N, C-alpha and C. Protein backbone atom coordinates (compact mmCIF):
# COMPACT_ATOMS: atom_id res chain seq x y z
N UNK A 1 7.58 -0.28 16.71
CA UNK A 1 7.25 -0.30 15.28
C UNK A 1 5.76 -0.52 15.00
N UNK A 2 5.28 0.02 13.91
CA UNK A 2 3.90 -0.26 13.53
C UNK A 2 3.89 -0.72 12.10
N UNK A 3 2.85 -1.53 11.86
CA UNK A 3 2.73 -1.96 10.40
C UNK A 3 1.24 -1.77 9.92
N UNK A 4 1.12 -1.55 8.68
CA UNK A 4 -0.16 -1.44 7.98
C UNK A 4 -0.16 -2.43 6.83
N UNK A 5 -1.23 -3.15 6.77
CA UNK A 5 -1.44 -4.03 5.64
C UNK A 5 -2.69 -3.58 4.91
N UNK A 6 -2.58 -3.35 3.67
CA UNK A 6 -3.64 -2.92 2.77
C UNK A 6 -3.89 -4.12 1.84
N UNK A 7 -5.20 -4.56 1.87
CA UNK A 7 -5.53 -5.64 0.88
C UNK A 7 -6.49 -5.03 -0.25
N UNK A 8 -6.27 -5.52 -1.32
CA UNK A 8 -7.02 -5.00 -2.60
C UNK A 8 -7.62 -6.24 -3.16
N UNK A 9 -8.97 -6.23 -3.42
CA UNK A 9 -9.51 -7.35 -4.11
C UNK A 9 -10.84 -6.74 -4.90
N UNK A 10 -11.38 -7.61 -5.72
CA UNK A 10 -12.51 -7.23 -6.58
C UNK A 10 -12.15 -6.75 -7.86
N UNK A 11 -13.21 -6.22 -8.54
CA UNK A 11 -12.97 -5.66 -9.94
C UNK A 11 -11.99 -4.53 -9.94
N UNK A 12 -11.01 -4.71 -10.80
CA UNK A 12 -9.92 -3.71 -10.98
C UNK A 12 -8.65 -3.86 -10.16
N UNK A 13 -8.72 -4.80 -9.18
CA UNK A 13 -7.59 -5.02 -8.37
C UNK A 13 -6.40 -5.65 -9.04
N UNK A 14 -6.64 -6.54 -9.94
CA UNK A 14 -5.44 -7.11 -10.66
C UNK A 14 -4.78 -5.98 -11.62
N UNK A 15 -5.70 -5.21 -12.23
CA UNK A 15 -5.16 -4.14 -13.02
C UNK A 15 -4.40 -3.07 -12.26
N UNK A 16 -5.01 -2.82 -10.95
CA UNK A 16 -4.18 -1.91 -10.06
C UNK A 16 -2.74 -2.45 -9.78
N UNK A 17 -2.64 -3.77 -9.63
CA UNK A 17 -1.36 -4.32 -9.21
C UNK A 17 -0.48 -4.40 -10.38
N UNK A 18 -1.07 -4.45 -11.64
CA UNK A 18 -0.28 -4.33 -12.93
C UNK A 18 0.36 -2.96 -12.90
N UNK A 19 -0.40 -1.97 -12.58
CA UNK A 19 0.08 -0.56 -12.53
C UNK A 19 1.23 -0.36 -11.51
N UNK A 20 0.87 -0.90 -10.21
CA UNK A 20 1.83 -0.78 -9.22
C UNK A 20 3.19 -1.34 -9.63
N UNK A 21 3.09 -2.53 -10.19
CA UNK A 21 4.38 -3.25 -10.67
C UNK A 21 5.04 -2.37 -11.79
N UNK A 22 4.38 -1.80 -12.65
CA UNK A 22 4.92 -0.97 -13.82
C UNK A 22 5.52 0.28 -13.25
N UNK A 23 4.94 0.73 -12.18
CA UNK A 23 5.39 2.09 -11.61
C UNK A 23 6.06 1.90 -10.25
N UNK A 24 6.73 0.71 -10.05
CA UNK A 24 7.33 0.37 -8.84
C UNK A 24 8.23 1.55 -8.33
N UNK A 25 9.01 2.13 -9.15
CA UNK A 25 9.99 3.11 -8.64
C UNK A 25 9.20 4.30 -8.09
N UNK A 26 8.11 4.70 -8.75
CA UNK A 26 7.33 5.81 -8.25
C UNK A 26 6.67 5.48 -6.94
N UNK A 27 6.18 4.23 -6.91
CA UNK A 27 5.46 3.83 -5.62
C UNK A 27 6.46 3.82 -4.48
N UNK A 28 7.72 3.20 -4.66
CA UNK A 28 8.67 3.12 -3.61
C UNK A 28 9.12 4.47 -3.26
N UNK A 29 9.34 5.31 -4.12
CA UNK A 29 9.67 6.72 -3.86
C UNK A 29 8.64 7.52 -2.96
N UNK A 30 7.30 7.23 -3.28
CA UNK A 30 6.29 7.81 -2.52
C UNK A 30 6.18 7.29 -1.11
N UNK A 31 6.23 5.99 -0.97
CA UNK A 31 6.18 5.43 0.32
C UNK A 31 7.43 5.66 1.24
N UNK A 32 8.61 5.68 0.59
CA UNK A 32 9.88 5.91 1.28
C UNK A 32 9.93 7.32 1.82
N UNK A 33 9.11 8.20 1.21
CA UNK A 33 9.07 9.64 1.81
C UNK A 33 8.42 9.75 3.17
N UNK A 34 7.79 8.75 3.57
CA UNK A 34 7.08 8.73 4.90
C UNK A 34 8.10 8.80 5.91
N UNK A 35 7.91 9.71 6.88
CA UNK A 35 8.80 9.88 8.09
C UNK A 35 8.74 8.60 8.87
N UNK A 36 9.87 7.97 9.18
CA UNK A 36 9.95 6.81 10.09
C UNK A 36 9.74 5.60 9.24
N UNK A 37 9.87 5.69 7.95
CA UNK A 37 9.65 4.39 7.03
C UNK A 37 10.75 3.37 7.40
N UNK A 38 10.26 2.22 7.38
CA UNK A 38 11.23 1.07 7.66
C UNK A 38 11.15 0.11 6.36
N UNK A 39 10.02 -0.32 5.96
CA UNK A 39 9.96 -1.28 4.83
C UNK A 39 8.56 -1.25 4.14
N UNK A 40 8.56 -1.70 2.85
CA UNK A 40 7.39 -1.78 2.02
C UNK A 40 7.47 -3.16 1.18
N UNK A 41 6.35 -3.76 1.29
CA UNK A 41 6.24 -4.96 0.42
C UNK A 41 5.09 -5.01 -0.43
N UNK A 42 5.01 -5.57 -1.58
CA UNK A 42 3.92 -5.70 -2.54
C UNK A 42 3.78 -7.13 -2.83
N UNK A 43 2.50 -7.74 -2.53
CA UNK A 43 2.37 -9.21 -2.75
C UNK A 43 1.06 -9.42 -3.56
N UNK A 44 1.21 -10.15 -4.69
CA UNK A 44 0.06 -10.45 -5.48
C UNK A 44 -0.65 -11.70 -4.86
N UNK A 45 -2.00 -11.70 -5.02
CA UNK A 45 -2.80 -12.79 -4.62
C UNK A 45 -3.69 -13.23 -5.84
N UNK A 46 -4.45 -14.38 -5.64
CA UNK A 46 -5.24 -14.77 -6.71
C UNK A 46 -6.27 -13.75 -7.12
N UNK A 47 -6.74 -12.94 -6.25
CA UNK A 47 -7.86 -11.99 -6.56
C UNK A 47 -7.41 -10.59 -6.43
N UNK A 48 -6.13 -10.29 -6.41
CA UNK A 48 -5.57 -8.87 -6.34
C UNK A 48 -4.24 -8.83 -5.69
N UNK A 49 -4.25 -8.44 -4.43
CA UNK A 49 -2.97 -8.34 -3.69
C UNK A 49 -3.05 -7.60 -2.39
N UNK A 50 -1.81 -7.53 -1.81
CA UNK A 50 -1.74 -6.74 -0.59
C UNK A 50 -0.39 -5.98 -0.52
N UNK A 51 -0.40 -4.95 0.22
CA UNK A 51 0.83 -4.26 0.42
C UNK A 51 1.03 -4.16 1.97
N UNK A 52 2.31 -4.03 2.30
CA UNK A 52 2.49 -3.99 3.84
C UNK A 52 3.61 -2.90 3.95
N UNK A 53 3.35 -1.85 4.85
CA UNK A 53 4.22 -0.73 5.15
C UNK A 53 4.57 -0.94 6.59
N UNK A 54 5.82 -0.89 6.97
CA UNK A 54 6.36 -0.97 8.34
C UNK A 54 6.96 0.48 8.56
N UNK A 55 6.56 1.05 9.62
CA UNK A 55 7.19 2.39 10.13
C UNK A 55 7.50 2.31 11.58
N UNK A 56 8.28 3.36 11.91
CA UNK A 56 8.73 3.33 13.34
C UNK A 56 7.63 3.66 14.32
N UNK A 57 6.50 4.29 13.79
CA UNK A 57 5.51 4.71 14.74
C UNK A 57 4.18 4.79 14.00
N UNK A 58 3.18 4.95 14.74
CA UNK A 58 1.75 5.04 14.23
C UNK A 58 1.56 6.21 13.22
N UNK A 59 2.20 7.26 13.60
CA UNK A 59 2.07 8.52 12.66
C UNK A 59 2.57 8.09 11.21
N UNK A 60 3.77 7.32 11.24
CA UNK A 60 4.19 6.88 9.92
C UNK A 60 3.22 6.02 9.19
N UNK A 61 2.60 5.11 9.83
CA UNK A 61 1.69 4.25 9.14
C UNK A 61 0.44 5.01 8.65
N UNK A 62 -0.03 5.94 9.62
CA UNK A 62 -1.17 6.83 9.19
C UNK A 62 -0.75 7.63 7.88
N UNK A 63 0.44 8.12 7.86
CA UNK A 63 0.83 8.93 6.58
C UNK A 63 0.95 7.96 5.35
N UNK A 64 1.41 6.86 5.61
CA UNK A 64 1.49 5.88 4.50
C UNK A 64 0.24 5.46 3.90
N UNK A 65 -0.87 5.42 4.76
CA UNK A 65 -2.24 5.11 4.25
C UNK A 65 -2.68 6.24 3.38
N UNK A 66 -2.51 7.39 3.90
CA UNK A 66 -3.00 8.54 3.15
C UNK A 66 -2.13 8.72 1.71
N UNK A 67 -0.87 8.50 1.78
CA UNK A 67 -0.05 8.56 0.52
C UNK A 67 -0.49 7.42 -0.40
N UNK A 68 -0.69 6.27 0.17
CA UNK A 68 -1.08 5.17 -0.75
C UNK A 68 -2.49 5.34 -1.32
N UNK A 69 -3.38 5.94 -0.59
CA UNK A 69 -4.74 6.30 -1.16
C UNK A 69 -4.66 7.33 -2.24
N UNK A 70 -3.94 8.41 -2.05
CA UNK A 70 -3.81 9.47 -3.07
C UNK A 70 -3.03 9.02 -4.24
N UNK A 71 -1.91 8.12 -4.05
CA UNK A 71 -1.10 7.69 -5.15
C UNK A 71 -1.88 6.70 -6.03
N UNK A 72 -2.72 5.81 -5.40
CA UNK A 72 -3.42 4.90 -6.24
C UNK A 72 -4.51 5.54 -7.09
N UNK A 73 -5.02 6.55 -6.55
CA UNK A 73 -6.00 7.39 -7.33
C UNK A 73 -5.31 8.10 -8.47
N UNK A 74 -4.12 8.60 -8.28
CA UNK A 74 -3.45 9.25 -9.34
C UNK A 74 -2.96 8.31 -10.36
N UNK A 75 -2.61 7.02 -10.00
CA UNK A 75 -2.11 6.04 -11.00
C UNK A 75 -3.14 5.32 -11.80
N UNK A 76 -4.36 5.14 -11.08
CA UNK A 76 -5.40 4.42 -11.78
C UNK A 76 -6.61 5.00 -11.73
N UNK A 77 -6.94 6.25 -12.13
CA UNK A 77 -8.20 6.94 -11.94
C UNK A 77 -9.28 6.25 -12.84
N UNK A 78 -8.88 5.55 -14.04
CA UNK A 78 -9.92 4.94 -14.74
C UNK A 78 -10.33 3.58 -14.29
N UNK A 79 -9.62 3.05 -13.33
CA UNK A 79 -9.97 1.68 -12.91
C UNK A 79 -11.27 1.70 -12.05
N UNK A 80 -12.06 0.62 -12.17
CA UNK A 80 -13.32 0.51 -11.24
C UNK A 80 -12.81 0.54 -9.80
N UNK A 81 -13.73 0.99 -8.98
CA UNK A 81 -13.30 0.99 -7.51
C UNK A 81 -12.92 -0.37 -7.11
N UNK A 82 -11.84 -0.37 -6.22
CA UNK A 82 -11.22 -1.61 -5.80
C UNK A 82 -11.46 -1.67 -4.33
N UNK A 83 -11.92 -2.92 -3.80
CA UNK A 83 -12.23 -3.05 -2.42
C UNK A 83 -10.81 -2.99 -1.63
N UNK A 84 -10.80 -2.20 -0.66
CA UNK A 84 -9.50 -2.13 0.17
C UNK A 84 -9.88 -2.32 1.62
N UNK A 85 -9.02 -2.98 2.23
CA UNK A 85 -9.27 -3.08 3.74
C UNK A 85 -7.93 -2.73 4.33
N UNK A 86 -7.87 -2.28 5.36
CA UNK A 86 -6.64 -1.89 6.07
C UNK A 86 -6.63 -2.36 7.51
N UNK A 87 -5.44 -2.94 7.79
CA UNK A 87 -5.29 -3.41 9.27
C UNK A 87 -4.05 -2.80 9.79
N UNK A 88 -4.16 -2.36 11.08
CA UNK A 88 -2.90 -1.79 11.66
C UNK A 88 -2.65 -2.51 12.98
N UNK A 89 -1.40 -2.33 13.19
CA UNK A 89 -0.97 -3.01 14.54
C UNK A 89 0.45 -3.08 14.63
N UNK A 90 0.88 -3.77 15.73
CA UNK A 90 2.31 -3.98 15.91
C UNK A 90 2.79 -5.17 15.09
N UNK A 91 3.94 -5.15 14.54
CA UNK A 91 4.40 -6.43 13.90
C UNK A 91 4.83 -7.46 14.85
N UNK A 92 4.84 -8.64 14.42
CA UNK A 92 5.20 -9.81 15.27
C UNK A 92 6.57 -9.70 15.96
N UNK A 93 7.55 -8.89 15.37
CA UNK A 93 8.84 -8.76 15.76
C UNK A 93 9.11 -7.59 16.67
N UNK A 94 8.07 -6.98 17.17
CA UNK A 94 8.09 -5.67 18.00
C UNK A 94 8.78 -5.95 19.29
C-alpha cells in the first residue's frame, strides 16, 4: 500500500477547503476513480488543511496527485495560488 498526503496552506487554502467540502461528492467521485483506490480523507487545519489518499500501489497515488491537481484547478480557478506540499510513502500499517 502507498499513501500520499497533500497539505494546503497560505492565502486561499481555507476557501479551497470550503469548496472541497461543498463539492464533497464530486471530489470523492474523482478520487475513487483512481485504479487501486483504498481510502480518501479530508482534514481541516488552522491554516488550511490536508488530504490523504491511500492506494494499493505507487501508480495509484501518482494518479491521485494528478487528478487532485486538475480537480482543484477546475473547482477553484479564481482562488489565489495555494501552497501545496506532497509527501509519499508507505503507510504505517503496511
